[in-house]
C-alpha atoms as a PDB file:
ATOM      1  CA  MET A   1     -55.719 -47.961 -36.960  1.00  0.00           C
ATOM      2  CA  SER A   2     -58.788 -49.993 -36.217  1.00  0.00           C
ATOM      3  CA  ALA A   3     -61.336 -50.421 -33.464  1.00  0.00           C
ATOM      4  CA  THR A   4     -62.269 -53.876 -32.215  1.00  0.00           C
ATOM      5  CA  CYS A   5     -65.869 -54.883 -32.722  1.00  0.00           C
ATOM      6  CA  LEU A   6     -68.088 -57.865 -32.065  1.00  0.00           C
ATOM      7  CA  GLY A   7     -68.029 -60.251 -35.008  1.00  0.00           C
ATOM      8  CA  GLY A   8     -64.347 -60.776 -35.797  1.00  0.00           C
ATOM      9  CA  ARG A   9     -63.804 -57.933 -38.283  1.00  0.00           C
ATOM     10  CA  SER A  10     -62.751 -54.455 -37.274  1.00  0.00           C
ATOM     11  CA  VAL A  11     -64.106 -50.984 -37.936  1.00  0.00           C
ATOM     12  CA  SER A  12     -61.514 -48.374 -38.833  1.00  0.00           C
ATOM     13  CA  PHE A  13     -61.073 -45.711 -36.210  1.00  0.00           C
ATOM     14  CA  GLU A  14     -61.568 -42.963 -38.794  1.00  0.00           C
ATOM     15  CA  LYS A  15     -64.834 -44.447 -40.065  1.00  0.00           C
ATOM     16  CA  ALA A  16     -66.188 -44.811 -36.519  1.00  0.00           C
ATOM     17  CA  LYS A  17     -65.189 -41.204 -35.824  1.00  0.00           C
ATOM     18  CA  THR A  18     -66.754 -39.977 -39.086  1.00  0.00           C
ATOM     19  CA  ILE A  19     -70.078 -41.703 -38.389  1.00  0.00           C
ATOM     20  CA  THR A  20     -70.158 -40.351 -34.837  1.00  0.00           C
ATOM     21  CA  PHE A  21     -69.393 -36.862 -36.118  1.00  0.00           C
ATOM     22  CA  ALA A  22     -72.172 -37.140 -38.718  1.00  0.00           C
ATOM     23  CA  LEU A  23     -74.688 -38.079 -36.035  1.00  0.00           C
ATOM     24  CA  VAL A  24     -73.601 -35.228 -33.748  1.00  0.00           C
ATOM     25  CA  TYR A  25     -73.743 -32.815 -36.683  1.00  0.00           C
ATOM     26  CA  LEU A  26     -77.140 -33.997 -37.904  1.00  0.00           C
ATOM     27  CA  THR A  27     -78.831 -33.947 -34.489  1.00  0.00           C
ATOM     28  CA  GLU A  28     -77.994 -30.236 -34.415  1.00  0.00           C
ATOM     29  CA  ALA A  29     -78.482 -29.411 -38.105  1.00  0.00           C
ATOM     30  CA  LEU A  30     -81.939 -31.042 -38.258  1.00  0.00           C
ATOM     31  CA  LYS A  31     -83.174 -29.709 -34.931  1.00  0.00           C
ATOM     32  CA  LYS A  32     -86.736 -28.555 -34.711  1.00  0.00           C
ATOM     33  CA  GLU A  33     -87.707 -24.993 -33.865  1.00  0.00           C
ATOM     34  CA  GLY A  34     -87.124 -24.185 -30.219  1.00  0.00           C
ATOM     35  CA  ARG A  35     -84.951 -27.284 -29.681  1.00  0.00           C
ATOM     36  CA  LYS A  36     -81.191 -27.552 -29.324  1.00  0.00           C
ATOM     37  CA  LYS A  37     -81.025 -30.879 -31.178  1.00  0.00           C
ATOM     38  CA  LEU A  38     -82.943 -33.971 -32.236  1.00  0.00           C
ATOM     39  CA  SER A  39     -83.379 -36.816 -29.784  1.00  0.00           C
ATOM     40  CA  ALA A  40     -81.751 -40.154 -30.546  1.00  0.00           C
ATOM     41  CA  LYS A  41     -85.187 -41.585 -31.379  1.00  0.00           C
ATOM     42  CA  GLU A  42     -85.920 -38.735 -33.807  1.00  0.00           C
ATOM     43  CA  MET A  43     -82.509 -39.134 -35.392  1.00  0.00           C
ATOM     44  CA  ALA A  44     -83.142 -42.845 -35.910  1.00  0.00           C
ATOM     45  CA  ALA A  45     -86.439 -42.054 -37.646  1.00  0.00           C
ATOM     46  CA  GLU A  46     -84.656 -39.727 -40.070  1.00  0.00           C
ATOM     47  CA  ILE A  47     -81.988 -42.318 -40.869  1.00  0.00           C
ATOM     48  CA  ASN A  48     -84.517 -45.099 -41.428  1.00  0.00           C
ATOM     49  CA  LYS A  49     -85.964 -43.106 -44.332  1.00  0.00           C
ATOM     50  CA  HIS A  50     -82.720 -43.701 -46.236  1.00  0.00           C
ATOM     51  CA  TRP A  51     -81.617 -47.141 -44.991  1.00  0.00           C
ATOM     52  CA  SER A  52     -82.561 -50.672 -45.953  1.00  0.00           C
ATOM     53  CA  ARG A  53     -82.049 -51.700 -42.302  1.00  0.00           C
ATOM     54  CA  VAL A  54     -83.856 -50.344 -39.267  1.00  0.00           C
ATOM     55  CA  ILE A  55     -81.965 -48.646 -36.456  1.00  0.00           C
ATOM     56  CA  ASP A  56     -83.437 -47.633 -33.104  1.00  0.00           C
ATOM     57  CA  GLY A  57     -82.767 -44.738 -30.794  1.00  0.00           C
ATOM     58  CA  GLY A  58     -80.848 -46.925 -28.363  1.00  0.00           C
ATOM     59  CA  LYS A  59     -78.159 -47.696 -30.930  1.00  0.00           C
ATOM     60  CA  ILE A  60     -77.946 -44.044 -31.971  1.00  0.00           C
ATOM     61  CA  SER A  61     -77.514 -43.070 -28.336  1.00  0.00           C
ATOM     62  CA  ALA A  62     -74.760 -45.683 -27.910  1.00  0.00           C
ATOM     63  CA  ILE A  63     -72.857 -44.431 -30.973  1.00  0.00           C
ATOM     64  CA  LEU A  64     -73.114 -40.855 -29.713  1.00  0.00           C
ATOM     65  CA  ARG A  65     -71.397 -42.051 -26.519  1.00  0.00           C
ATOM     66  CA  GLY A  66     -68.490 -43.556 -28.465  1.00  0.00           C
ATOM     67  CA  TRP A  67     -69.605 -47.147 -29.148  1.00  0.00           C
ATOM     68  CA  HIS A  68     -70.099 -48.654 -32.581  1.00  0.00           C
ATOM     69  CA  LEU A  69     -72.006 -51.412 -34.349  1.00  0.00           C
ATOM     70  CA  PRO A  70     -70.728 -54.507 -36.207  1.00  0.00           C
ATOM     71  CA  PRO A  71     -68.663 -53.580 -39.301  1.00  0.00           C
ATOM     72  CA  GLU A  72     -71.296 -54.372 -41.948  1.00  0.00           C
ATOM     73  CA  GLU A  73     -73.881 -52.257 -40.122  1.00  0.00           C
ATOM     74  CA  MET A  74     -71.412 -49.393 -39.769  1.00  0.00           C
ATOM     75  CA  ASP A  75     -70.723 -49.525 -43.531  1.00  0.00           C
ATOM     76  CA  ASP A  76     -74.450 -49.339 -44.320  1.00  0.00           C
ATOM     77  CA  LEU A  77     -75.025 -46.628 -41.719  1.00  0.00           C
ATOM     78  CA  HIS A  78     -72.267 -44.503 -43.266  1.00  0.00           C
ATOM     79  CA  GLU A  79     -74.003 -44.728 -46.651  1.00  0.00           C
ATOM     80  CA  ALA A  80     -77.428 -43.932 -45.165  1.00  0.00           C
ATOM     81  CA  LEU A  81     -76.065 -40.864 -43.394  1.00  0.00           C
ATOM     82  CA  GLN A  82     -74.571 -39.526 -46.620  1.00  0.00           C
ATOM     83  CA  LYS A  83     -77.926 -40.034 -48.377  1.00  0.00           C
ATOM     84  CA  LEU A  84     -79.696 -38.177 -45.568  1.00  0.00           C
ATOM     85  CA  ILE A  85     -77.207 -35.311 -45.834  1.00  0.00           C
ATOM     86  CA  GLN A  86     -77.754 -35.104 -49.584  1.00  0.00           C
ATOM     87  CA  ALA A  87     -81.550 -35.285 -49.242  1.00  0.00           C
ATOM     88  CA  ARG A  88     -81.489 -32.377 -46.792  1.00  0.00           C
ATOM     89  CA  LYS A  89     -79.066 -30.480 -49.094  1.00  0.00           C
ATOM     90  CA  LEU A  90     -76.581 -29.883 -46.292  1.00  0.00           C
ATOM     91  CA  ARG A  91     -73.575 -29.968 -48.650  1.00  0.00           C
ATOM     92  CA  LEU A  92     -71.401 -32.056 -46.366  1.00  0.00           C
ATOM     93  CA  ASP A  93     -69.214 -34.836 -47.749  1.00  0.00           C
ATOM     94  CA  LEU A  94     -68.391 -37.429 -45.103  1.00  0.00           C
ATOM     95  CA  SER A  95     -65.272 -38.452 -47.000  1.00  0.00           C
ATOM     96  CA  ASP A  96     -63.764 -35.007 -46.457  1.00  0.00           C
ATOM     97  CA  ILE A  97     -64.883 -33.298 -43.245  1.00  0.00           C
ATOM     98  CA  PRO A  98     -63.187 -29.884 -42.843  1.00  0.00           C
ATOM     99  CA  PRO A  99     -61.169 -29.769 -39.588  1.00  0.00           C
ATOM    100  CA  GLY A 100     -62.652 -26.361 -38.782  1.00  0.00           C
ATOM    101  CA  LEU A 101     -66.151 -27.829 -38.899  1.00  0.00           C
ATOM    102  CA  ALA A 102     -65.188 -30.885 -36.859  1.00  0.00           C
ATOM    103  CA  VAL A 103     -63.918 -28.834 -33.914  1.00  0.00           C
ATOM    104  CA  GLN A 104     -67.259 -27.020 -33.663  1.00  0.00           C
ATOM    105  CA  HIS A 105     -69.015 -30.234 -32.614  1.00  0.00           C
ATOM    106  CA  GLU A 106     -68.072 -32.024 -29.394  1.00  0.00           C
ATOM    107  CA  LEU A 107     -67.369 -35.706 -29.952  1.00  0.00           C
ATOM    108  CA  PRO A 108     -67.062 -38.404 -27.249  1.00  0.00           C
ATOM    109  CA  ALA A 109     -63.731 -38.255 -25.428  1.00  0.00           C
ATOM    110  CA  VAL A 110     -62.470 -41.408 -27.160  1.00  0.00           C
ATOM    111  CA  PHE A 111     -62.365 -39.516 -30.486  1.00  0.00           C
ATOM    112  CA  GLN A 112     -60.866 -36.300 -29.193  1.00  0.00           C
ATOM    113  CA  SER A 113     -57.276 -37.568 -28.987  1.00  0.00           C
ATOM    114  CA  ASN A 114     -57.228 -39.705 -32.152  1.00  0.00           C
ATOM    115  CA  ILE A 115     -56.633 -42.857 -30.129  1.00  0.00           C
ATOM    116  CA  PRO A 116     -58.522 -45.862 -31.582  1.00  0.00           C
ATOM    117  CA  HIS A 117     -61.312 -47.203 -29.418  1.00  0.00           C
ATOM    118  CA  GLY A 118     -60.479 -50.873 -29.051  1.00  0.00           C
ATOM    119  CA  LEU A 119     -62.232 -51.603 -25.780  1.00  0.00           C
ATOM    120  CA  GLN A 120     -65.521 -52.862 -27.156  1.00  0.00           C
ATOM    121  CA  GLY A 121     -65.456 -56.613 -26.721  1.00  0.00           C
ATOM    122  CA  GLU A 122     -68.064 -59.339 -26.716  1.00  0.00           C
ATOM    123  CA  VAL A 123     -70.975 -59.572 -24.302  1.00  0.00           C
ATOM    124  CA  ILE A 124     -69.669 -59.999 -20.737  1.00  0.00           C
ATOM    125  CA  GLY A 125     -72.175 -62.725 -19.755  1.00  0.00           C
ATOM    126  CA  ASP A 126     -71.432 -64.577 -16.516  1.00  0.00           C
ATOM    127  CA  LEU A 127     -68.321 -62.464 -15.963  1.00  0.00           C
ATOM    128  CA  ALA A 128     -70.705 -59.753 -14.777  1.00  0.00           C
ATOM    129  CA  SER A 129     -70.951 -61.659 -11.506  1.00  0.00           C
ATOM    130  CA  ASN A 130     -67.778 -63.796 -11.536  1.00  0.00           C
ATOM    131  CA  MET A 131     -65.440 -60.810 -12.008  1.00  0.00           C
ATOM    132  CA  ALA A 132     -67.341 -58.166 -10.011  1.00  0.00           C
ATOM    133  CA  GLY A 133     -65.956 -57.238  -6.614  1.00  0.00           C
ATOM    134  CA  PRO A 134     -62.595 -56.808  -4.875  1.00  0.00           C
ATOM    135  CA  TRP A 135     -59.431 -58.529  -6.145  1.00  0.00           C
ATOM    136  CA  THR A 136     -55.767 -58.698  -5.321  1.00  0.00           C
ATOM    137  CA  PHE A 137     -53.606 -58.637  -8.461  1.00  0.00           C
ATOM    138  CA  TYR A 138     -50.027 -59.903  -8.396  1.00  0.00           C
ATOM    139  CA  TYR A 139     -47.243 -59.509 -10.923  1.00  0.00           C
ATOM    140  CA  VAL A 140     -43.626 -60.573 -11.156  1.00  0.00           C
ATOM    141  CA  SER A 141     -41.469 -57.476 -11.415  1.00  0.00           C
ATOM    142  CA  PRO A 142     -37.963 -57.667 -12.919  1.00  0.00           C
ATOM    143  CA  ILE A 143     -36.770 -54.811 -10.671  1.00  0.00           C
ATOM    144  CA  ASP A 144     -37.053 -54.054  -6.983  1.00  0.00           C
ATOM    145  CA  ARG A 145     -38.395 -50.876  -5.385  1.00  0.00           C
ATOM    146  CA  ASP A 146     -34.993 -49.191  -5.774  1.00  0.00           C
ATOM    147  CA  GLY A 147     -34.985 -49.810  -9.522  1.00  0.00           C
ATOM    148  CA  LYS A 148     -32.288 -52.470  -9.378  1.00  0.00           C
ATOM    149  CA  PRO A 149     -32.594 -55.760 -11.311  1.00  0.00           C
ATOM    150  CA  ALA A 150     -34.133 -58.233  -8.859  1.00  0.00           C
ATOM    151  CA  SER A 151     -37.205 -60.399  -9.385  1.00  0.00           C
ATOM    152  CA  GLU A 152     -39.982 -59.986  -6.815  1.00  0.00           C
ATOM    153  CA  ILE A 153     -43.746 -60.455  -6.625  1.00  0.00           C
ATOM    154  CA  ARG A 154     -45.808 -57.313  -6.054  1.00  0.00           C
ATOM    155  CA  SER A 155     -49.468 -57.008  -5.165  1.00  0.00           C
ATOM    156  CA  THR A 156     -52.099 -54.372  -5.914  1.00  0.00           C
ATOM    157  CA  ALA A 157     -55.699 -53.913  -4.752  1.00  0.00           C
ATOM    158  CA  ALA A 158     -58.379 -53.787  -7.459  1.00  0.00           C
ATOM    159  CA  TYR A 159     -62.141 -53.415  -7.590  1.00  0.00           C
ATOM    160  CA  ILE A 160     -64.199 -54.469 -10.625  1.00  0.00           C
ATOM    161  CA  TYR A 161     -67.586 -52.774 -10.732  1.00  0.00           C
ATOM    162  CA  ARG A 162     -70.750 -54.770 -11.255  1.00  0.00           C
ATOM    163  CA  THR A 163     -72.552 -54.505 -14.589  1.00  0.00           C
ATOM    164  CA  THR A 164     -75.291 -56.354 -16.477  1.00  0.00           C
ATOM    165  CA  PRO A 165     -74.623 -59.613 -18.379  1.00  0.00           C
ATOM    166  CA  ASP A 166     -75.386 -57.921 -21.718  1.00  0.00           C
ATOM    167  CA  ALA A 167     -72.695 -55.259 -21.226  1.00  0.00           C
ATOM    168  CA  ARG A 168     -69.544 -55.332 -23.364  1.00  0.00           C
ATOM    169  CA  SER A 169     -67.099 -54.120 -20.728  1.00  0.00           C
ATOM    170  CA  MET A 170     -66.610 -53.650 -17.001  1.00  0.00           C
ATOM    171  CA  ASP A 171     -65.068 -50.682 -15.200  1.00  0.00           C
ATOM    172  CA  ILE A 172     -62.147 -51.306 -12.892  1.00  0.00           C
ATOM    173  CA  ARG A 173     -60.134 -49.251 -10.412  1.00  0.00           C
ATOM    174  CA  MET A 174     -56.785 -50.341  -9.004  1.00  0.00           C
ATOM    175  CA  VAL A 175     -54.558 -49.028  -6.236  1.00  0.00           C
ATOM    176  CA  SER A 176     -50.833 -49.722  -6.467  1.00  0.00           C
ATOM    177  CA  LYS A 177     -47.969 -48.665  -4.204  1.00  0.00           C
ATOM    178  CA  ARG A 178     -47.520 -45.414  -6.096  1.00  0.00           C
ATOM    179  CA  GLY A 179     -50.583 -44.982  -8.261  1.00  0.00           C
ATOM    180  CA  LEU A 180     -54.354 -44.910  -8.622  1.00  0.00           C
ATOM    181  CA  TRP A 181     -55.614 -46.531 -11.805  1.00  0.00           C
ATOM    182  CA  ASN A 182     -58.831 -46.480 -13.811  1.00  0.00           C
ATOM    183  CA  GLY A 183     -59.484 -48.968 -16.565  1.00  0.00           C
ATOM    184  CA  THR A 184     -61.691 -51.301 -18.533  1.00  0.00           C
ATOM    185  CA  LEU A 185     -62.095 -55.074 -18.648  1.00  0.00           C
ATOM    186  CA  PHE A 186     -63.412 -56.661 -21.829  1.00  0.00           C
ATOM    187  CA  THR A 187     -63.432 -60.080 -23.459  1.00  0.00           C
ATOM    188  CA  THR A 188     -62.992 -61.684 -26.864  1.00  0.00           C
ATOM    189  CA  GLY A 189     -63.494 -65.430 -27.166  1.00  0.00           C
ATOM    190  CA  PRO A 190     -62.043 -67.220 -24.120  1.00  0.00           C
ATOM    191  CA  HIS A 191     -59.671 -64.405 -23.174  1.00  0.00           C
ATOM    192  CA  LEU A 192     -59.987 -61.359 -20.929  1.00  0.00           C
ATOM    193  CA  TYR A 193     -58.179 -58.063 -21.325  1.00  0.00           C
ATOM    194  CA  VAL A 194     -57.677 -55.322 -18.755  1.00  0.00           C
ATOM    195  CA  VAL A 195     -56.365 -51.902 -19.793  1.00  0.00           C
ATOM    196  CA  LEU A 196     -55.431 -49.408 -17.061  1.00  0.00           C
ATOM    197  CA  ASN A 197     -54.145 -45.834 -16.869  1.00  0.00           C
ATOM    198  CA  ASP A 198     -52.598 -44.194 -13.821  1.00  0.00           C
ATOM    199  CA  ILE A 199     -54.690 -41.169 -12.800  1.00  0.00           C
ATOM    200  CA  ALA A 200     -52.989 -40.346  -9.496  1.00  0.00           C
ATOM    201  CA  LYS A 201     -52.847 -36.620  -8.779  1.00  0.00           C
ATOM    202  CA  ASN A 202     -49.510 -34.946  -9.498  1.00  0.00           C
ATOM    203  CA  ASP A 203     -48.270 -38.165 -11.098  1.00  0.00           C
ATOM    204  CA  VAL A 204     -46.302 -37.226 -14.213  1.00  0.00           C
ATOM    205  CA  ARG A 205     -45.196 -40.752 -15.051  1.00  0.00           C
ATOM    206  CA  LYS A 206     -48.115 -41.319 -17.459  1.00  0.00           C
ATOM    207  CA  THR A 207     -48.217 -45.073 -17.060  1.00  0.00           C
ATOM    208  CA  GLU A 208     -50.291 -47.547 -19.033  1.00  0.00           C
ATOM    209  CA  THR A 209     -50.650 -51.222 -18.171  1.00  0.00           C
ATOM    210  CA  THR A 210     -52.413 -54.049 -19.987  1.00  0.00           C
ATOM    211  CA  PHE A 211     -53.187 -57.529 -18.631  1.00  0.00           C
ATOM    212  CA  PHE A 212     -53.927 -60.433 -20.990  1.00  0.00           C
ATOM    213  CA  VAL A 213     -55.793 -63.023 -18.936  1.00  0.00           C
ATOM    214  CA  VAL A 214     -55.840 -66.615 -20.206  1.00  0.00           C
ATOM    215  CA  ASN A 215     -58.605 -68.086 -18.024  1.00  0.00           C
ATOM    216  CA  ARG A 216     -62.044 -67.244 -16.676  1.00  0.00           C
ATOM    217  CA  PRO A 217     -62.670 -67.506 -12.922  1.00  0.00           C
ATOM    218  CA  TYR A 218     -65.674 -69.250 -11.405  1.00  0.00           C
ATOM    219  CA  SER A 219     -67.035 -69.700  -7.882  1.00  0.00           C
ATOM    220  CA  LYS A 220     -64.832 -72.662  -6.913  1.00  0.00           C
ATOM    221  CA  GLN A 221     -61.686 -71.261  -8.531  1.00  0.00           C
ATOM    222  CA  PRO A 222     -61.505 -67.485  -7.972  1.00  0.00           C
ATOM    223  CA  PHE A 223     -58.097 -67.194  -9.662  1.00  0.00           C
ATOM    224  CA  ILE A 224     -56.876 -65.629 -12.900  1.00  0.00           C
ATOM    225  CA  ALA A 225     -53.494 -65.723 -14.614  1.00  0.00           C
ATOM    226  CA  GLY A 226     -51.859 -64.294 -17.697  1.00  0.00           C
ATOM    227  CA  VAL A 227     -49.200 -61.885 -18.861  1.00  0.00           C
ATOM    228  CA  GLY A 228     -48.970 -58.116 -18.684  1.00  0.00           C
ATOM    229  CA  THR A 229     -47.098 -55.244 -20.248  1.00  0.00           C
ATOM    230  CA  ALA A 230     -46.314 -51.901 -18.678  1.00  0.00           C
ATOM    231  CA  LEU A 231     -45.001 -48.669 -20.144  1.00  0.00           C
ATOM    232  CA  ILE A 232     -43.672 -45.827 -18.036  1.00  0.00           C
ATOM    233  CA  ARG A 233     -42.699 -42.876 -20.191  1.00  0.00           C
ATOM    234  CA  SER A 234     -40.630 -41.070 -17.563  1.00  0.00           C
ATOM    235  CA  THR A 235     -39.343 -42.120 -14.185  1.00  0.00           C
ATOM    236  CA  THR A 236     -36.869 -41.208 -11.473  1.00  0.00           C
ATOM    237  CA  LEU A 237     -35.634 -44.802 -11.376  1.00  0.00           C
ATOM    238  CA  THR A 238     -32.220 -45.532 -12.846  1.00  0.00           C
ATOM    239  CA  VAL A 239     -33.572 -48.496 -14.811  1.00  0.00           C
ATOM    240  CA  ALA A 240     -36.487 -47.428 -16.992  1.00  0.00           C
ATOM    241  CA  PRO A 241     -39.227 -49.968 -16.067  1.00  0.00           C
ATOM    242  CA  VAL A 242     -40.734 -50.915 -19.393  1.00  0.00           C
ATOM    243  CA  PHE A 243     -41.385 -54.600 -19.167  1.00  0.00           C
ATOM    244  CA  GLY A 244     -43.495 -57.669 -19.720  1.00  0.00           C
ATOM    245  CA  PHE A 245     -44.437 -59.718 -16.684  1.00  0.00           C
ATOM    246  CA  LEU A 246     -46.335 -62.706 -15.396  1.00  0.00           C
ATOM    247  CA  PHE A 247     -49.658 -61.803 -13.827  1.00  0.00           C
ATOM    248  CA  PHE A 248     -52.134 -63.583 -11.548  1.00  0.00           C
ATOM    249  CA  GLY A 249     -54.975 -62.565  -9.290  1.00  0.00           C
ATOM    250  CA  GLU A 250     -57.317 -63.755  -6.557  1.00  0.00           C
ATOM    251  CA  LYS A 251     -60.866 -62.613  -5.921  1.00  0.00           C
ATOM    252  CA  HIS A 252     -61.957 -61.820  -2.364  1.00  0.00           C
ATOM    253  CA  VAL A 253     -65.060 -63.676  -1.180  1.00  0.00           C
ATOM    254  CA  PRO A 254     -65.019 -62.917   2.555  1.00  0.00           C
ATOM    255  CA  ALA A 255     -67.049 -64.926   5.007  1.00  0.00           C
ATOM    256  CA  GLY A 256     -70.191 -63.258   6.237  1.00  0.00           C
ATOM    257  CA  THR A 257     -71.116 -61.315   3.104  1.00  0.00           C
ATOM    258  CA  SER A 258     -74.784 -61.355   2.221  1.00  0.00           C
ATOM    259  CA  LYS A 259     -76.097 -63.816  -0.338  1.00  0.00           C
ATOM    260  CA  SER A 260     -77.343 -60.957  -2.466  1.00  0.00           C
ATOM    261  CA  ASP A 261     -73.854 -59.471  -2.806  1.00  0.00           C
ATOM    262  CA  LYS A 262     -71.358 -62.304  -2.510  1.00  0.00           C
ATOM    263  CA  SER A 263     -68.767 -60.531  -4.649  1.00  0.00           C
ATOM    264  CA  SER A 264     -68.456 -57.472  -2.395  1.00  0.00           C
ATOM    265  CA  ASP A 265     -66.292 -56.836   0.621  1.00  0.00           C
ATOM    266  CA  LEU A 266     -68.286 -53.874   1.925  1.00  0.00           C
ATOM    267  CA  SER A 267     -65.356 -52.068   3.553  1.00  0.00           C
ATOM    268  CA  VAL A 268     -63.277 -52.230   0.370  1.00  0.00           C
ATOM    269  CA  LYS A 269     -66.311 -51.403  -1.755  1.00  0.00           C
ATOM    270  CA  LYS A 270     -66.890 -48.216   0.225  1.00  0.00           C
ATOM    271  CA  VAL A 271     -63.378 -46.967  -0.501  1.00  0.00           C
ATOM    272  CA  PHE A 272     -63.501 -47.765  -4.205  1.00  0.00           C
ATOM    273  CA  GLN A 273     -66.894 -46.124  -4.652  1.00  0.00           C
ATOM    274  CA  SER A 274     -65.734 -42.837  -3.123  1.00  0.00           C
ATOM    275  CA  SER A 275     -65.051 -40.162  -5.697  1.00  0.00           C
ATOM    276  CA  PRO A 276     -62.382 -39.153  -5.150  1.00  0.00           C
ATOM    277  CA  PRO A 277     -61.220 -41.648  -2.519  1.00  0.00           C
ATOM    278  CA  LEU A 278     -59.764 -40.170   0.650  1.00  0.00           C
ATOM    279  CA  GLU A 279     -55.973 -40.172   0.758  1.00  0.00           C
ATOM    280  CA  ALA A 280     -56.058 -41.778   4.206  1.00  0.00           C
ATOM    281  CA  ASP A 281     -58.140 -44.656   2.823  1.00  0.00           C
ATOM    282  CA  LEU A 282     -55.740 -45.101  -0.089  1.00  0.00           C
ATOM    283  CA  GLU A 283     -52.769 -45.226   2.253  1.00  0.00           C
ATOM    284  CA  ALA A 284     -54.554 -47.828   4.387  1.00  0.00           C
ATOM    285  CA  ILE A 285     -55.122 -50.017   1.322  1.00  0.00           C
ATOM    286  CA  ARG A 286     -51.520 -49.560   0.195  1.00  0.00           C
ATOM    287  CA  SER A 287     -50.127 -50.558   3.567  1.00  0.00           C
ATOM    288  CA  GLU A 288     -52.288 -53.694   3.716  1.00  0.00           C
ATOM    289  CA  ALA A 289     -52.560 -54.824   0.093  1.00  0.00           C
ATOM    290  CA  CYS A 290     -49.756 -53.250  -1.976  1.00  0.00           C
ATOM    291  CA  LEU A 291     -46.832 -55.372  -0.861  1.00  0.00           C
ATOM    292  CA  SER A 292     -43.686 -57.052  -2.158  1.00  0.00           C
ATOM    293  CA  TYR A 293     -42.922 -60.756  -1.707  1.00  0.00           C
ATOM    294  CA  SER A 294     -40.185 -63.208  -2.411  1.00  0.00           C
ATOM    295  CA  TRP A 295     -41.485 -66.448  -3.945  1.00  0.00           C
ATOM    296  CA  ALA A 296     -41.109 -68.180  -0.579  1.00  0.00           C
ATOM    297  CA  GLU A 297     -43.124 -65.437   1.153  1.00  0.00           C
ATOM    298  CA  PHE A 298     -45.795 -65.578  -1.547  1.00  0.00           C
ATOM    299  CA  VAL A 299     -46.212 -69.348  -1.161  1.00  0.00           C
ATOM    300  CA  ARG A 300     -46.418 -68.985   2.609  1.00  0.00           C
ATOM    301  CA  ASN A 301     -48.917 -66.085   2.588  1.00  0.00           C
ATOM    302  CA  ARG A 302     -51.159 -67.090  -0.349  1.00  0.00           C
ATOM    303  CA  PRO A 303     -51.039 -70.914  -0.412  1.00  0.00           C
ATOM    304  CA  GLY A 304     -54.244 -71.386  -2.443  1.00  0.00           C
ATOM    305  CA  LEU A 305     -53.230 -69.019  -5.211  1.00  0.00           C
ATOM    306  CA  ALA A 306     -49.638 -70.283  -5.088  1.00  0.00           C
ATOM    307  CA  ALA A 307     -50.864 -73.852  -5.651  1.00  0.00           C
ATOM    308  CA  TYR A 308     -52.847 -72.674  -8.666  1.00  0.00           C
ATOM    309  CA  VAL A 309     -49.892 -70.698 -10.046  1.00  0.00           C
ATOM    310  CA  LYS A 310     -47.688 -73.780  -9.787  1.00  0.00           C
ATOM    311  CA  THR A 311     -50.007 -75.583 -12.215  1.00  0.00           C
ATOM    312  CA  LEU A 312     -49.036 -73.036 -14.901  1.00  0.00           C
ATOM    313  CA  ARG A 313     -46.151 -73.662 -17.259  1.00  0.00           C
ATOM    314  CA  VAL A 314     -43.891 -71.021 -18.740  1.00  0.00           C
ATOM    315  CA  ASN A 315     -41.669 -72.253 -21.558  1.00  0.00           C
ATOM    316  CA  GLY A 316     -42.659 -75.741 -20.453  1.00  0.00           C
ATOM    317  CA  GLU A 317     -41.428 -75.299 -16.903  1.00  0.00           C
ATOM    318  CA  GLU A 318     -43.112 -74.842 -13.511  1.00  0.00           C
ATOM    319  CA  LEU A 319     -43.089 -71.355 -12.068  1.00  0.00           C
ATOM    320  CA  ASP A 320     -40.711 -70.706  -9.205  1.00  0.00           C
ATOM    321  CA  ASP A 321     -38.331 -67.993  -8.015  1.00  0.00           C
ATOM    322  CA  GLY A 322     -36.640 -68.091 -11.411  1.00  0.00           C
ATOM    323  CA  ALA A 323     -39.790 -67.007 -13.260  1.00  0.00           C
ATOM    324  CA  PRO A 324     -38.884 -65.345 -16.564  1.00  0.00           C
ATOM    325  CA  VAL A 325     -39.604 -61.678 -17.172  1.00  0.00           C
ATOM    326  CA  LEU A 326     -38.865 -59.312 -20.033  1.00  0.00           C
ATOM    327  CA  HIS A 327     -37.260 -55.996 -19.194  1.00  0.00           C
ATOM    328  CA  LEU A 328     -36.682 -53.405 -21.925  1.00  0.00           C
ATOM    329  CA  ARG A 329     -35.003 -50.050 -21.508  1.00  0.00           C
ATOM    330  CA  TRP A 330     -34.117 -47.381 -24.021  1.00  0.00           C
ATOM    331  CA  PRO A 331     -30.890 -45.345 -24.125  1.00  0.00           C
END
């Protein structure tokens, strides 16, 4: 398994986890009298004594939260940490960390389930403003609400939270007809990726959804399009909905919003910034924004987005009510 990193190469999940563990361990093992642990700045100073590069406290702090550096820096940092351990005679070999020792030190959540952290993309840049705010996402489902094979377009309400242009990801929350989703948006090259998990209370379906977006929106074209995949591990539906689907979305830029916050519909923003959101507010969003359409209804209700979608080609053909989908079920 590997973890995506800026620069094209990848850092193995195990190496990223090992380095993070070493930092957590050392901040405690090298603590000064009367302190629980070293600060990130103090830890950086210790590492720099054994490293040809120079690392600052900000990067140490980021790694301790689950991020990682470019592969070549991670390789050098791993070596420097082992030298520091040897210099302090701590008798710890980073190539063979005893499981009993590892469980004594709390690592970031991303390393606690042995799932590789692949959500660290390139710098967000202008997407920090172009993607931030409320969206309506649409996807072409191969089954209807009763679980029977029938193509229809479904909509969900999403909110992408504002960040700084130098960030590497954006947080996103989405409300669907039956779920409440938290996720991350990140970018590599010209493409965007959105990974979401259903966190709705008492929801045992354990769903994961990923959108692969092929374009970047801008002020005069607030549309996105791509493909998605969805996995539902258990369901009451007769047809297990594990499928690939066409995906498109439209950003809301309502009239009357202030110039300082053009990307925000304040009423929607209020709901998505509540933690947790009120069930009544969720139901209001679902009744207004989580709908099902035939292609004819979609064209009639969302003419601007429909015109954009018709410029796309799937297998060389224009999209219409015969849009292809992939539906996979297991025995």
